[in-house]
């Protein structure tokens, strides 16, 4: 299925609305609450998502929504929007510019549109089915890296890994040419733009990764869970993105044997 221009236009309007709320509070005194999973949330998160949901309700009332702050509705709909108004809330509350808004559109459960908006940087990364990935309208492409020894690898934080997951990631990353930490969703934009070659993470929620699929795949990259399966809203939160299929396969061999998260 090719990306519908009306859906792309709506995604951009959603990103604009989110930015109008998040930028208003960025680097100001914030009231920070801790959610049940101990992750921080701010008034800006909630207000931005509420505004996004209001727009979707007015424009596409039959579509479903899955959002970080205000839950889910109509997940059995043909089209479902997956929203993260501020991905990288810890970066946001500490004044780092490396937080973004993530917007995905799924069709029968498969991501067909992904948008990574970086309001502080003024960068909007878009990709989807039948489209070329772009940054502010300019086409982007992954780097043609096929060997771990030449790869640049990223993850946001070691804190998100279990001991066995970290052992596998540490072994993988030490075989690469360069490893870096931090960045949240921006790491996947860097991969799509040809600046890094691997991103591996754990503990993510659907609103953290669904938007990444469209951008990475439209840029020519490969993205899956740690078993090599396509990402969906039911995935276990472990994500591996790579610039090339060969590199993805090599990295997968080092990660796929790690036991997954156990049901609560």
C-alpha atoms as a PDB file:
ATOM      1  CA  UNK A   1       0.000   0.000   0.000  1.00  0.00           C
ATOM      2  CA  UNK A   2       1.388   3.432  -0.947  1.00  0.00           C
ATOM      3  CA  UNK A   3       1.336   6.316   1.472  1.00  0.00           C
ATOM      4  CA  UNK A   4      -1.718   8.554   1.058  1.00  0.00           C
ATOM      5  CA  UNK A   5      -0.893  12.263   0.743  1.00  0.00           C
ATOM      6  CA  UNK A   6      -3.815  13.192   3.007  1.00  0.00           C
ATOM      7  CA  UNK A   7      -2.408  10.981   5.745  1.00  0.00           C
ATOM      8  CA  UNK A   8       1.032  12.534   5.356  1.00  0.00           C
ATOM      9  CA  UNK A   9      -0.433  16.026   5.553  1.00  0.00           C
ATOM     10  CA  UNK A  10      -2.349  15.063   8.684  1.00  0.00           C
ATOM     11  CA  UNK A  11       0.788  13.588  10.284  1.00  0.00           C
ATOM     12  CA  UNK A  12       2.637  16.857   9.686  1.00  0.00           C
ATOM     13  CA  UNK A  13      -0.213  18.828  11.251  1.00  0.00           C
ATOM     14  CA  UNK A  14      -0.091  16.514  14.262  1.00  0.00           C
ATOM     15  CA  UNK A  15       3.641  17.163  14.613  1.00  0.00           C
ATOM     16  CA  UNK A  16       3.085  20.918  14.374  1.00  0.00           C
ATOM     17  CA  UNK A  17       0.451  20.798  17.104  1.00  0.00           C
ATOM     18  CA  UNK A  18       2.663  18.697  19.374  1.00  0.00           C
ATOM     19  CA  UNK A  19       5.584  21.087  18.893  1.00  0.00           C
ATOM     20  CA  UNK A  20       3.438  24.109  19.742  1.00  0.00           C
ATOM     21  CA  UNK A  21       2.835  22.578  23.176  1.00  0.00           C
ATOM     22  CA  UNK A  22       6.211  20.979  23.858  1.00  0.00           C
ATOM     23  CA  UNK A  23       8.356  23.929  22.787  1.00  0.00           C
ATOM     24  CA  UNK A  24       6.329  26.303  24.957  1.00  0.00           C
ATOM     25  CA  UNK A  25       7.509  24.477  28.080  1.00  0.00           C
ATOM     26  CA  UNK A  26      10.991  23.375  26.994  1.00  0.00           C
ATOM     27  CA  UNK A  27      13.767  24.641  29.278  1.00  0.00           C
ATOM     28  CA  UNK A  28      11.293  26.158  31.704  1.00  0.00           C
ATOM     29  CA  UNK A  29      10.452  25.173  35.279  1.00  0.00           C
ATOM     30  CA  UNK A  30       8.498  21.940  34.867  1.00  0.00           C
ATOM     31  CA  UNK A  31       6.184  19.956  37.088  1.00  0.00           C
ATOM     32  CA  UNK A  32       7.480  16.415  36.663  1.00  0.00           C
ATOM     33  CA  UNK A  33       5.471  13.410  37.838  1.00  0.00           C
ATOM     34  CA  UNK A  34       6.571   9.795  37.910  1.00  0.00           C
ATOM     35  CA  UNK A  35       4.347   7.285  36.135  1.00  0.00           C
ATOM     36  CA  UNK A  36       3.690   3.787  37.444  1.00  0.00           C
ATOM     37  CA  UNK A  37       6.670   2.494  35.445  1.00  0.00           C
ATOM     38  CA  UNK A  38       8.889   5.166  37.117  1.00  0.00           C
ATOM     39  CA  UNK A  39       9.333   7.149  33.887  1.00  0.00           C
ATOM     40  CA  UNK A  40       8.888  10.927  34.081  1.00  0.00           C
ATOM     41  CA  UNK A  41       5.934  12.686  32.513  1.00  0.00           C
ATOM     42  CA  UNK A  42       5.214  16.374  32.237  1.00  0.00           C
ATOM     43  CA  UNK A  43       2.208  18.574  31.611  1.00  0.00           C
ATOM     44  CA  UNK A  44       3.647  19.205  28.143  1.00  0.00           C
ATOM     45  CA  UNK A  45       3.429  15.464  27.291  1.00  0.00           C
ATOM     46  CA  UNK A  46      -0.207  15.258  28.255  1.00  0.00           C
ATOM     47  CA  UNK A  47      -1.277  18.523  26.651  1.00  0.00           C
ATOM     48  CA  UNK A  48       0.479  17.743  23.375  1.00  0.00           C
ATOM     49  CA  UNK A  49      -1.096  14.314  23.056  1.00  0.00           C
ATOM     50  CA  UNK A  50      -4.539  15.627  23.994  1.00  0.00           C
ATOM     51  CA  UNK A  51      -4.294  18.202  21.190  1.00  0.00           C
ATOM     52  CA  UNK A  52      -3.147  15.549  18.715  1.00  0.00           C
ATOM     53  CA  UNK A  53      -6.022  13.262  19.643  1.00  0.00           C
ATOM     54  CA  UNK A  54      -8.494  16.119  19.286  1.00  0.00           C
ATOM     55  CA  UNK A  55      -7.310  16.734  15.725  1.00  0.00           C
ATOM     56  CA  UNK A  56      -7.574  13.054  14.843  1.00  0.00           C
ATOM     57  CA  UNK A  57     -11.062  12.921  16.325  1.00  0.00           C
ATOM     58  CA  UNK A  58     -12.125  15.821  14.139  1.00  0.00           C
ATOM     59  CA  UNK A  59     -10.417  14.687  10.926  1.00  0.00           C
ATOM     60  CA  UNK A  60     -10.525  10.862  10.986  1.00  0.00           C
ATOM     61  CA  UNK A  61     -13.000   9.798  13.695  1.00  0.00           C
ATOM     62  CA  UNK A  62     -13.098   6.191  12.498  1.00  0.00           C
ATOM     63  CA  UNK A  63      -9.332   5.713  12.968  1.00  0.00           C
ATOM     64  CA  UNK A  64      -7.885   4.119  16.080  1.00  0.00           C
ATOM     65  CA  UNK A  65      -5.342   5.728  18.394  1.00  0.00           C
ATOM     66  CA  UNK A  66      -2.608   4.348  20.642  1.00  0.00           C
ATOM     67  CA  UNK A  67      -0.852   7.035  22.668  1.00  0.00           C
ATOM     68  CA  UNK A  68       1.655   7.064  25.484  1.00  0.00           C
ATOM     69  CA  UNK A  69      -0.243   9.405  27.773  1.00  0.00           C
ATOM     70  CA  UNK A  70      -3.947   8.812  27.148  1.00  0.00           C
ATOM     71  CA  UNK A  71      -4.236   5.137  26.268  1.00  0.00           C
ATOM     72  CA  UNK A  72      -5.871   3.391  23.338  1.00  0.00           C
ATOM     73  CA  UNK A  73      -9.130   3.436  21.438  1.00  0.00           C
ATOM     74  CA  UNK A  74     -10.417   1.471  18.440  1.00  0.00           C
ATOM     75  CA  UNK A  75      -7.270  -0.626  18.059  1.00  0.00           C
ATOM     76  CA  UNK A  76      -9.240  -2.959  15.786  1.00  0.00           C
ATOM     77  CA  UNK A  77      -9.791  -0.149  13.243  1.00  0.00           C
ATOM     78  CA  UNK A  78      -8.375  -0.423   9.714  1.00  0.00           C
ATOM     79  CA  UNK A  79      -6.099   2.551  10.421  1.00  0.00           C
ATOM     80  CA  UNK A  80      -4.499   3.191  13.807  1.00  0.00           C
ATOM     81  CA  UNK A  81      -2.331   6.193  14.736  1.00  0.00           C
ATOM     82  CA  UNK A  82       0.463   5.581  17.250  1.00  0.00           C
ATOM     83  CA  UNK A  83       1.566   8.721  19.087  1.00  0.00           C
ATOM     84  CA  UNK A  84       4.435   9.684  21.367  1.00  0.00           C
ATOM     85  CA  UNK A  85       4.290  13.452  21.928  1.00  0.00           C
ATOM     86  CA  UNK A  86       7.688  13.625  23.626  1.00  0.00           C
ATOM     87  CA  UNK A  87       9.997  10.678  23.032  1.00  0.00           C
ATOM     88  CA  UNK A  88      12.946  11.211  25.316  1.00  0.00           C
ATOM     89  CA  UNK A  89      11.213  12.820  28.270  1.00  0.00           C
ATOM     90  CA  UNK A  90      14.378  12.584  30.371  1.00  0.00           C
ATOM     91  CA  UNK A  91      16.217  14.534  27.665  1.00  0.00           C
ATOM     92  CA  UNK A  92      13.357  17.047  27.609  1.00  0.00           C
ATOM     93  CA  UNK A  93      13.336  17.702  31.344  1.00  0.00           C
ATOM     94  CA  UNK A  94      17.137  17.991  31.480  1.00  0.00           C
ATOM     95  CA  UNK A  95      17.259  20.547  28.658  1.00  0.00           C
ATOM     96  CA  UNK A  96      18.780  18.303  26.003  1.00  0.00           C
ATOM     97  CA  UNK A  97      17.589  18.986  22.425  1.00  0.00           C
ATOM     98  CA  UNK A  98      17.590  15.272  21.519  1.00  0.00           C
ATOM     99  CA  UNK A  99      13.914  14.549  22.137  1.00  0.00           C
ATOM    100  CA  UNK A 100      11.285  14.221  19.468  1.00  0.00           C
ATOM    101  CA  UNK A 101       7.681  13.575  18.555  1.00  0.00           C
ATOM    102  CA  UNK A 102       6.914  10.174  17.052  1.00  0.00           C
ATOM    103  CA  UNK A 103       3.898   9.594  14.815  1.00  0.00           C
ATOM    104  CA  UNK A 104       3.068   6.338  13.057  1.00  0.00           C
ATOM    105  CA  UNK A 105       0.096   5.233  11.001  1.00  0.00           C
ATOM    106  CA  UNK A 106      -0.650   1.528  10.712  1.00  0.00           C
ATOM    107  CA  UNK A 107      -2.925  -0.154   8.175  1.00  0.00           C
ATOM    108  CA  UNK A 108      -4.256  -3.517   9.322  1.00  0.00           C
ATOM    109  CA  UNK A 109      -1.467  -3.489  11.909  1.00  0.00           C
ATOM    110  CA  UNK A 110       1.408  -2.797   9.512  1.00  0.00           C
ATOM    111  CA  UNK A 111       3.231   0.564   9.730  1.00  0.00           C
ATOM    112  CA  UNK A 112       2.732   2.530   6.503  1.00  0.00           C
ATOM    113  CA  UNK A 113       3.898   5.949   7.710  1.00  0.00           C
ATOM    114  CA  UNK A 114       6.543   7.077  10.156  1.00  0.00           C
ATOM    115  CA  UNK A 115       7.450  10.597  11.235  1.00  0.00           C
ATOM    116  CA  UNK A 116      10.254  11.643  13.589  1.00  0.00           C
ATOM    117  CA  UNK A 117       9.994  15.322  14.431  1.00  0.00           C
ATOM    118  CA  UNK A 118      12.859  17.041  16.268  1.00  0.00           C
ATOM    119  CA  UNK A 119      11.446  20.476  17.175  1.00  0.00           C
ATOM    120  CA  UNK A 120      14.565  21.955  18.786  1.00  0.00           C
ATOM    121  CA  UNK A 121      16.776  20.871  15.878  1.00  0.00           C
ATOM    122  CA  UNK A 122      14.227  21.909  13.252  1.00  0.00           C
ATOM    123  CA  UNK A 123      14.375  18.490  11.599  1.00  0.00           C
ATOM    124  CA  UNK A 124      11.464  16.398  10.352  1.00  0.00           C
ATOM    125  CA  UNK A 125      12.209  12.875   9.134  1.00  0.00           C
ATOM    126  CA  UNK A 126       9.477  11.115   7.163  1.00  0.00           C
ATOM    127  CA  UNK A 127       9.192   7.693   5.554  1.00  0.00           C
ATOM    128  CA  UNK A 128       6.495   5.296   4.511  1.00  0.00           C
ATOM    129  CA  UNK A 129       5.285   2.647   2.132  1.00  0.00           C
ATOM    130  CA  UNK A 130       6.245   3.428  -1.462  1.00  0.00           C
ATOM    131  CA  UNK A 131       8.073   6.610  -0.404  1.00  0.00           C
ATOM    132  CA  UNK A 132      11.684   7.779  -0.237  1.00  0.00           C
ATOM    133  CA  UNK A 133      12.752   8.769   3.263  1.00  0.00           C
ATOM    134  CA  UNK A 134      13.369  12.471   3.713  1.00  0.00           C
ATOM    135  CA  UNK A 135      14.735  15.027   6.127  1.00  0.00           C
ATOM    136  CA  UNK A 136      13.026  18.406   5.710  1.00  0.00           C
ATOM    137  CA  UNK A 137      12.049  17.362   2.201  1.00  0.00           C
ATOM    138  CA  UNK A 138      15.510  16.198   1.105  1.00  0.00           C
ATOM    139  CA  UNK A 139      15.962  12.493   0.351  1.00  0.00           C
ATOM    140  CA  UNK A 140      18.078  10.498   2.787  1.00  0.00           C
ATOM    141  CA  UNK A 141      19.646   7.064   2.529  1.00  0.00           C
ATOM    142  CA  UNK A 142      21.368   4.643   4.889  1.00  0.00           C
ATOM    143  CA  UNK A 143      25.120   4.075   4.657  1.00  0.00           C
ATOM    144  CA  UNK A 144      26.226   1.003   2.714  1.00  0.00           C
ATOM    145  CA  UNK A 145      27.857  -0.676   5.694  1.00  0.00           C
ATOM    146  CA  UNK A 146      27.922  -4.469   5.639  1.00  0.00           C
ATOM    147  CA  UNK A 147      30.537  -5.393   8.283  1.00  0.00           C
ATOM    148  CA  UNK A 148      30.442  -5.044  12.044  1.00  0.00           C
ATOM    149  CA  UNK A 149      34.081  -3.962  12.085  1.00  0.00           C
ATOM    150  CA  UNK A 150      33.141  -0.855  10.098  1.00  0.00           C
ATOM    151  CA  UNK A 151      29.834  -0.128  11.834  1.00  0.00           C
ATOM    152  CA  UNK A 152      28.853   2.727  14.113  1.00  0.00           C
ATOM    153  CA  UNK A 153      26.386   1.571  16.760  1.00  0.00           C
ATOM    154  CA  UNK A 154      24.090   3.469  19.121  1.00  0.00           C
ATOM    155  CA  UNK A 155      21.810   2.795  22.055  1.00  0.00           C
ATOM    156  CA  UNK A 156      20.148   5.298  24.336  1.00  0.00           C
ATOM    157  CA  UNK A 157      21.189   3.959  27.743  1.00  0.00           C
ATOM    158  CA  UNK A 158      22.609   0.796  29.332  1.00  0.00           C
ATOM    159  CA  UNK A 159      19.933   1.201  32.018  1.00  0.00           C
ATOM    160  CA  UNK A 160      17.237  -0.249  29.752  1.00  0.00           C
ATOM    161  CA  UNK A 161      18.974  -3.637  29.398  1.00  0.00           C
ATOM    162  CA  UNK A 162      18.680  -6.695  31.609  1.00  0.00           C
ATOM    163  CA  UNK A 163      22.052  -8.235  32.586  1.00  0.00           C
ATOM    164  CA  UNK A 164      21.860 -10.844  29.809  1.00  0.00           C
ATOM    165  CA  UNK A 165      20.709  -8.267  27.241  1.00  0.00           C
ATOM    166  CA  UNK A 166      23.539  -5.937  28.208  1.00  0.00           C
ATOM    167  CA  UNK A 167      26.097  -8.735  27.955  1.00  0.00           C
ATOM    168  CA  UNK A 168      24.967  -9.441  24.386  1.00  0.00           C
ATOM    169  CA  UNK A 169      24.833  -5.753  23.416  1.00  0.00           C
ATOM    170  CA  UNK A 170      28.228  -5.061  24.975  1.00  0.00           C
ATOM    171  CA  UNK A 171      29.788  -7.932  23.024  1.00  0.00           C
ATOM    172  CA  UNK A 172      28.143  -6.768  19.810  1.00  0.00           C
ATOM    173  CA  UNK A 173      29.063  -3.120  20.195  1.00  0.00           C
ATOM    174  CA  UNK A 174      32.696  -3.905  21.022  1.00  0.00           C
ATOM    175  CA  UNK A 175      33.020  -5.596  17.618  1.00  0.00           C
ATOM    176  CA  UNK A 176      31.954  -2.348  15.928  1.00  0.00           C
ATOM    177  CA  UNK A 177      34.163   0.520  14.859  1.00  0.00           C
ATOM    178  CA  UNK A 178      32.464   3.024  17.148  1.00  0.00           C
ATOM    179  CA  UNK A 179      29.791   2.936  19.835  1.00  0.00           C
ATOM    180  CA  UNK A 180      27.890   5.865  21.274  1.00  0.00           C
ATOM    181  CA  UNK A 181      25.134   6.366  23.845  1.00  0.00           C
ATOM    182  CA  UNK A 182      22.135   8.703  24.021  1.00  0.00           C
ATOM    183  CA  UNK A 183      19.779  10.159  21.501  1.00  0.00           C
ATOM    184  CA  UNK A 184      16.470   8.338  22.033  1.00  0.00           C
ATOM    185  CA  UNK A 185      14.545   8.399  18.721  1.00  0.00           C
ATOM    186  CA  UNK A 186      17.195  10.557  17.043  1.00  0.00           C
ATOM    187  CA  UNK A 187      19.506   7.566  16.750  1.00  0.00           C
ATOM    188  CA  UNK A 188      17.163   6.040  14.177  1.00  0.00           C
ATOM    189  CA  UNK A 189      17.091   9.293  12.226  1.00  0.00           C
ATOM    190  CA  UNK A 190      20.895   9.269  12.251  1.00  0.00           C
ATOM    191  CA  UNK A 191      20.791   5.734  10.842  1.00  0.00           C
ATOM    192  CA  UNK A 192      18.331   6.748   8.117  1.00  0.00           C
ATOM    193  CA  UNK A 193      20.580   9.666   7.241  1.00  0.00           C
ATOM    194  CA  UNK A 194      23.676   7.497   6.813  1.00  0.00           C
ATOM    195  CA  UNK A 195      25.527   8.657   9.931  1.00  0.00           C
ATOM    196  CA  UNK A 196      25.316   5.494  12.059  1.00  0.00           C
ATOM    197  CA  UNK A 197      24.746   1.895  11.047  1.00  0.00           C
ATOM    198  CA  UNK A 198      23.185   0.017  13.971  1.00  0.00           C
ATOM    199  CA  UNK A 199      20.770   0.826  16.779  1.00  0.00           C
ATOM    200  CA  UNK A 200      19.775  -1.818  19.332  1.00  0.00           C
ATOM    201  CA  UNK A 201      17.495  -1.166  22.274  1.00  0.00           C
ATOM    202  CA  UNK A 202      15.304  -2.872  24.871  1.00  0.00           C
ATOM    203  CA  UNK A 203      12.344  -1.966  27.008  1.00  0.00           C
ATOM    204  CA  UNK A 204      10.547   0.073  24.354  1.00  0.00           C
ATOM    205  CA  UNK A 205       6.784   0.489  24.014  1.00  0.00           C
ATOM    206  CA  UNK A 206       4.866   0.526  20.690  1.00  0.00           C
ATOM    207  CA  UNK A 207       4.705   4.328  20.711  1.00  0.00           C
ATOM    208  CA  UNK A 208       8.525   4.351  21.038  1.00  0.00           C
ATOM    209  CA  UNK A 209       9.233   2.246  17.951  1.00  0.00           C
ATOM    210  CA  UNK A 210       6.319   2.081  15.498  1.00  0.00           C
ATOM    211  CA  UNK A 211       7.150   5.425  13.856  1.00  0.00           C
ATOM    212  CA  UNK A 212      10.751   4.330  13.370  1.00  0.00           C
ATOM    213  CA  UNK A 213       9.786   1.511  11.022  1.00  0.00           C
ATOM    214  CA  UNK A 214       8.579   3.720   8.172  1.00  0.00           C
ATOM    215  CA  UNK A 215      11.598   6.035   8.330  1.00  0.00           C
ATOM    216  CA  UNK A 216      14.256   3.314   8.559  1.00  0.00           C
ATOM    217  CA  UNK A 217      12.744   1.090   5.869  1.00  0.00           C
ATOM    218  CA  UNK A 218      12.098   3.967   3.443  1.00  0.00           C
ATOM    219  CA  UNK A 219      15.761   4.948   3.822  1.00  0.00           C
ATOM    220  CA  UNK A 220      16.803   1.435   2.763  1.00  0.00           C
ATOM    221  CA  UNK A 221      17.492   0.048   6.222  1.00  0.00           C
ATOM    222  CA  UNK A 222      16.218  -2.995   8.076  1.00  0.00           C
ATOM    223  CA  UNK A 223      14.376  -2.939  11.409  1.00  0.00           C
ATOM    224  CA  UNK A 224      12.946  -5.812  13.459  1.00  0.00           C
ATOM    225  CA  UNK A 225      12.754  -7.266  16.932  1.00  0.00           C
ATOM    226  CA  UNK A 226      15.662  -9.282  18.323  1.00  0.00           C
ATOM    227  CA  UNK A 227      14.261 -12.462  16.784  1.00  0.00           C
ATOM    228  CA  UNK A 228      14.236 -10.891  13.328  1.00  0.00           C
ATOM    229  CA  UNK A 229      10.441 -10.580  13.270  1.00  0.00           C
ATOM    230  CA  UNK A 230       8.588  -7.499  11.973  1.00  0.00           C
ATOM    231  CA  UNK A 231       7.672  -4.964  14.622  1.00  0.00           C
ATOM    232  CA  UNK A 232       4.045  -4.609  15.667  1.00  0.00           C
ATOM    233  CA  UNK A 233       2.187  -3.188  18.638  1.00  0.00           C
ATOM    234  CA  UNK A 234       2.525  -6.660  20.183  1.00  0.00           C
ATOM    235  CA  UNK A 235       6.354  -6.883  19.950  1.00  0.00           C
ATOM    236  CA  UNK A 236       8.361  -7.374  23.140  1.00  0.00           C
ATOM    237  CA  UNK A 237      10.081  -3.979  23.032  1.00  0.00           C
ATOM    238  CA  UNK A 238      13.493  -5.117  21.811  1.00  0.00           C
ATOM    239  CA  UNK A 239      14.455  -3.368  18.580  1.00  0.00           C
ATOM    240  CA  UNK A 240      17.334  -3.823  16.149  1.00  0.00           C
ATOM    241  CA  UNK A 241      17.804  -1.426  13.242  1.00  0.00           C
ATOM    242  CA  UNK A 242      20.599  -1.737  10.690  1.00  0.00           C
ATOM    243  CA  UNK A 243      21.773   0.013   7.560  1.00  0.00           C
ATOM    244  CA  UNK A 244      21.916  -3.169   5.468  1.00  0.00           C
ATOM    245  CA  UNK A 245      20.436  -6.649   5.527  1.00  0.00           C
ATOM    246  CA  UNK A 246      23.864  -8.263   5.877  1.00  0.00           C
ATOM    247  CA  UNK A 247      24.769  -6.090   8.862  1.00  0.00           C
ATOM    248  CA  UNK A 248      21.364  -6.747  10.404  1.00  0.00           C
ATOM    249  CA  UNK A 249      21.900 -10.482  10.028  1.00  0.00           C
ATOM    250  CA  UNK A 250      25.322 -10.395  11.702  1.00  0.00           C
ATOM    251  CA  UNK A 251      24.034  -8.334  14.617  1.00  0.00           C
ATOM    252  CA  UNK A 252      20.959 -10.530  14.953  1.00  0.00           C
ATOM    253  CA  UNK A 253      23.095 -13.621  15.410  1.00  0.00           C
ATOM    254  CA  UNK A 254      24.586 -12.051  18.532  1.00  0.00           C
ATOM    255  CA  UNK A 255      21.284 -10.863  19.992  1.00  0.00           C
ATOM    256  CA  UNK A 256      18.588 -13.383  19.117  1.00  0.00           C
ATOM    257  CA  UNK A 257      19.691 -16.032  21.622  1.00  0.00           C
ATOM    258  CA  UNK A 258      19.118 -13.704  24.597  1.00  0.00           C
ATOM    259  CA  UNK A 259      16.013 -14.636  26.635  1.00  0.00           C
ATOM    260  CA  UNK A 260      13.191 -12.175  26.127  1.00  0.00           C
ATOM    261  CA  UNK A 261      11.203 -10.292  28.764  1.00  0.00           C
ATOM    262  CA  UNK A 262       9.132 -12.524  30.999  1.00  0.00           C
ATOM    263  CA  UNK A 263       5.396 -11.897  31.366  1.00  0.00           C
ATOM    264  CA  UNK A 264       4.464 -10.128  34.577  1.00  0.00           C
END
